[in-house]
Amino acid sequence: MDNHVAAGSSTSHLGHLALGVTLLAFGIGTTGVINGVSAADSVSIATWIGGVALFVAGLFEFRDGNSFNGTAFAGLGAFWFTWAAGVGDKVSANGAGLFLLLWALLALSLMLGAGEGLLGQATYGLFFLSLVVLAVGRFADSGSLGKVGGWVAVAAGVAAWYAATAALAGWPRALPGRAAGRGVTAAGQ
């Protein structure tokens, strides 16, 4: 049965798009590259797209038997919703740094468990790196490190967005492999 649907479920595409959009909004706001736009301006996106929509996508992934995407989307939905609720002067700099560092552990687990190939590993790996840099920036009270962490979040957002868009559009999602060496068959024997 050929229904012209790209590999993966529509829920996983939605989840990766929601993650990509949220990371892009948060990262761009954190970098300060657009005059007058800060990370706090991404609160509504983080709450509804990164928080609620991503969490619901995770529940659907669990229902469909995809425990990795279910864990990723529901966990990251909880992260974004909690982050949005705590933005501003409600939390100390060290408290915010600890929050980011603890959630970096989830991103690290997702990077290590990503069976989606390089794009999945890149998305979660860059998100992990972003959270660590942002946490260190909070602990050190360094706006420069915060901007670097924002740019890494932008890169993670681009990777998540591309992975979902590539799956929907049928674009390449893997790097071409090397040709097998002499005497090696396609099965690697």
Protein backbone atom coordinates (compact mmCIF):
# COMPACT_ATOMS: atom_id res chain seq x y z
CA MET A 1 0.00 0.00 0.00
CA ASP A 2 1.64 3.23 -1.15
CA ASN A 3 0.11 6.25 0.50
CA HIS A 4 3.05 8.62 -0.15
CA VAL A 5 3.72 9.18 3.55
CA ALA A 6 7.33 9.68 4.56
CA ALA A 7 8.96 7.38 7.11
CA GLY A 8 7.87 7.98 10.69
CA SER A 9 4.51 8.89 12.10
CA SER A 10 2.73 12.19 11.63
CA THR A 11 2.89 12.59 15.42
CA SER A 12 6.69 12.28 15.37
CA HIS A 13 6.88 14.87 12.58
CA LEU A 14 4.65 17.20 14.60
CA GLY A 15 6.77 16.62 17.70
CA HIS A 16 10.02 17.41 15.90
CA LEU A 17 8.50 20.51 14.30
CA ALA A 18 7.22 21.71 17.69
CA LEU A 19 10.65 21.11 19.23
CA GLY A 20 12.36 22.90 16.34
CA VAL A 21 10.10 25.95 16.46
CA THR A 22 10.43 26.22 20.24
CA LEU A 23 14.21 25.89 20.16
CA LEU A 24 14.45 28.48 17.38
CA ALA A 25 12.25 30.98 19.24
CA PHE A 26 14.07 30.42 22.54
CA GLY A 27 17.53 30.45 20.93
CA ILE A 28 16.94 33.57 18.85
CA GLY A 29 15.53 35.34 21.89
CA THR A 30 18.50 34.29 24.01
CA THR A 31 21.05 35.54 21.47
CA GLY A 32 19.55 39.03 21.36
CA VAL A 33 20.17 39.09 17.61
CA ILE A 34 16.80 40.78 17.03
CA ASN A 35 16.60 44.13 18.75
CA GLY A 36 14.07 44.15 21.58
CA VAL A 37 13.43 40.38 21.50
CA SER A 38 14.52 38.30 24.48
CA ALA A 39 14.10 34.71 25.59
CA ALA A 40 11.18 35.86 27.75
CA ASP A 41 9.34 36.77 24.54
CA SER A 42 9.22 33.06 23.64
CA VAL A 43 7.16 32.17 26.74
CA SER A 44 3.89 31.66 24.86
CA ILE A 45 5.60 29.45 22.27
CA ALA A 46 7.39 27.53 25.04
CA THR A 47 4.13 27.08 26.95
CA TRP A 48 1.77 26.03 24.17
CA ILE A 49 3.95 24.58 21.40
CA GLY A 50 7.01 23.40 23.33
CA GLY A 51 5.05 22.50 26.44
CA VAL A 52 1.50 21.40 25.75
CA ALA A 53 1.71 20.32 22.07
CA LEU A 54 5.00 18.47 22.59
CA PHE A 55 3.68 16.73 25.72
CA VAL A 56 0.50 15.64 23.92
CA ALA A 57 2.58 14.41 20.97
CA GLY A 58 4.57 12.36 23.48
CA LEU A 59 1.40 10.77 24.83
CA PHE A 60 0.34 9.82 21.29
CA GLU A 61 3.78 8.35 20.63
CA PHE A 62 3.47 6.22 23.79
CA ARG A 63 0.03 5.08 22.63
CA ASP A 64 1.50 4.09 19.26
CA GLY A 65 4.26 2.07 20.95
CA ASN A 66 7.16 4.47 20.30
CA SER A 67 8.68 4.74 23.75
CA PHE A 68 11.70 6.79 22.64
CA ASN A 69 9.69 9.60 21.02
CA GLY A 70 7.12 9.33 23.80
CA THR A 71 9.83 9.88 26.39
CA ALA A 72 11.50 12.63 24.35
CA PHE A 73 8.37 14.61 23.56
CA ALA A 74 6.62 14.22 26.93
CA GLY A 75 9.85 14.94 28.83
CA LEU A 76 10.73 17.97 26.73
CA GLY A 77 7.14 19.17 26.91
CA ALA A 78 7.43 19.13 30.69
CA PHE A 79 10.76 20.99 30.42
CA TRP A 80 9.39 23.78 28.21
CA PHE A 81 6.19 24.19 30.24
CA THR A 82 8.18 24.41 33.49
CA TRP A 83 10.74 26.79 31.93
CA ALA A 84 7.94 29.08 30.72
CA ALA A 85 6.35 29.12 34.18
CA GLY A 86 9.65 30.11 35.82
CA VAL A 87 10.86 32.85 33.45
CA GLY A 88 11.75 36.19 34.93
CA ASP A 89 12.79 37.15 38.42
CA LYS A 90 10.91 34.25 40.01
CA VAL A 91 14.10 32.13 40.25
CA SER A 92 17.64 32.99 41.34
CA ALA A 93 20.46 32.77 38.79
CA ASN A 94 21.90 29.71 40.56
CA GLY A 95 18.44 28.11 40.72
CA ALA A 96 18.01 28.68 36.99
CA GLY A 97 21.48 27.24 36.34
CA LEU A 98 20.66 24.12 38.36
CA PHE A 99 17.33 23.76 36.53
CA LEU A 100 19.08 23.92 33.16
CA LEU A 101 21.81 21.52 34.25
CA LEU A 102 19.32 18.94 35.50
CA TRP A 103 17.32 19.06 32.27
CA ALA A 104 20.57 18.76 30.34
CA LEU A 105 20.71 15.21 31.73
CA LEU A 106 17.46 14.40 29.91
CA ALA A 107 18.87 15.83 26.68
CA LEU A 108 22.04 13.75 27.16
CA SER A 109 19.98 10.60 27.68
CA LEU A 110 18.00 11.37 24.53
CA MET A 111 21.18 11.96 22.54
CA LEU A 112 22.63 8.63 23.69
CA GLY A 113 19.38 6.78 23.00
CA ALA A 114 18.51 8.42 19.67
CA GLY A 115 18.07 5.67 17.14
CA GLU A 116 16.98 8.20 14.50
CA GLY A 117 20.46 8.62 13.05
CA LEU A 118 22.66 11.66 12.99
CA LEU A 119 19.86 14.24 12.85
CA GLY A 120 18.24 12.94 16.03
CA GLN A 121 21.59 12.69 17.78
CA ALA A 122 22.55 16.16 16.54
CA THR A 123 19.28 17.69 17.75
CA TYR A 124 19.51 16.25 21.24
CA GLY A 125 23.29 16.63 21.43
CA LEU A 126 23.13 20.30 20.51
CA PHE A 127 20.26 20.83 22.92
CA PHE A 128 22.35 19.18 25.67
CA LEU A 129 25.30 21.42 24.87
CA SER A 130 23.04 24.48 24.82
CA LEU A 131 21.61 23.69 28.25
CA VAL A 132 25.07 23.10 29.74
CA VAL A 133 26.45 26.36 28.31
CA LEU A 134 23.35 28.26 29.46
CA ALA A 135 23.65 26.72 32.95
CA VAL A 136 27.32 27.67 33.23
CA GLY A 137 26.41 31.15 32.00
CA ARG A 138 23.80 31.45 34.76
CA PHE A 139 26.20 30.20 37.44
CA ALA A 140 28.94 32.58 36.23
CA ASP A 141 26.50 35.46 35.56
CA SER A 142 27.88 35.65 32.01
CA GLY A 143 25.66 37.14 29.32
CA SER A 144 28.22 36.13 26.69
CA LEU A 145 27.88 32.45 27.58
CA GLY A 146 24.11 32.90 27.50
CA LYS A 147 24.35 34.16 23.92
CA VAL A 148 26.60 31.24 22.93
CA GLY A 149 24.07 28.85 24.48
CA GLY A 150 21.33 30.60 22.51
CA TRP A 151 23.17 30.08 19.23
CA VAL A 152 23.64 26.38 20.05
CA ALA A 153 19.88 26.18 20.76
CA VAL A 154 19.26 27.77 17.33
CA ALA A 155 21.44 25.05 15.73
CA ALA A 156 19.48 22.36 17.63
CA GLY A 157 16.22 23.94 16.43
CA VAL A 158 17.40 23.91 12.83
CA ALA A 159 18.37 20.23 13.15
CA ALA A 160 14.94 19.31 14.62
CA TRP A 161 13.09 21.38 12.02
CA TYR A 162 15.12 19.89 9.15
CA ALA A 163 14.59 16.32 10.40
CA ALA A 164 10.80 16.77 10.42
CA THR A 165 10.66 18.71 7.16
CA ALA A 166 12.95 16.22 5.42
CA ALA A 167 10.75 13.33 6.53
CA LEU A 168 7.63 15.10 5.29
CA ALA A 169 9.17 16.24 2.00
CA GLY A 170 11.16 13.08 1.28
CA TRP A 171 14.51 14.90 1.48
CA PRO A 172 17.72 13.13 2.46
CA ARG A 173 18.01 12.50 6.19
CA ALA A 174 21.31 10.61 6.26
CA LEU A 175 24.78 11.18 4.95
CA PRO A 176 25.72 8.90 2.08
CA GLY A 177 27.76 5.92 3.23
CA ARG A 178 31.25 5.02 2.09
CA ALA A 179 31.67 2.48 -0.62
CA ALA A 180 32.51 -0.94 0.71
CA GLY A 181 36.16 -1.91 0.60
CA ARG A 182 37.59 -4.66 -1.56
CA GLY A 183 36.18 -8.05 -0.64
CA VAL A 184 33.42 -6.62 1.51
CA THR A 185 29.85 -7.38 0.54
CA ALA A 186 26.83 -5.15 1.10
CA ALA A 187 26.05 -7.18 4.21
CA GLY A 188 29.48 -6.27 5.59
CA GLN A 189 30.94 -9.77 5.33
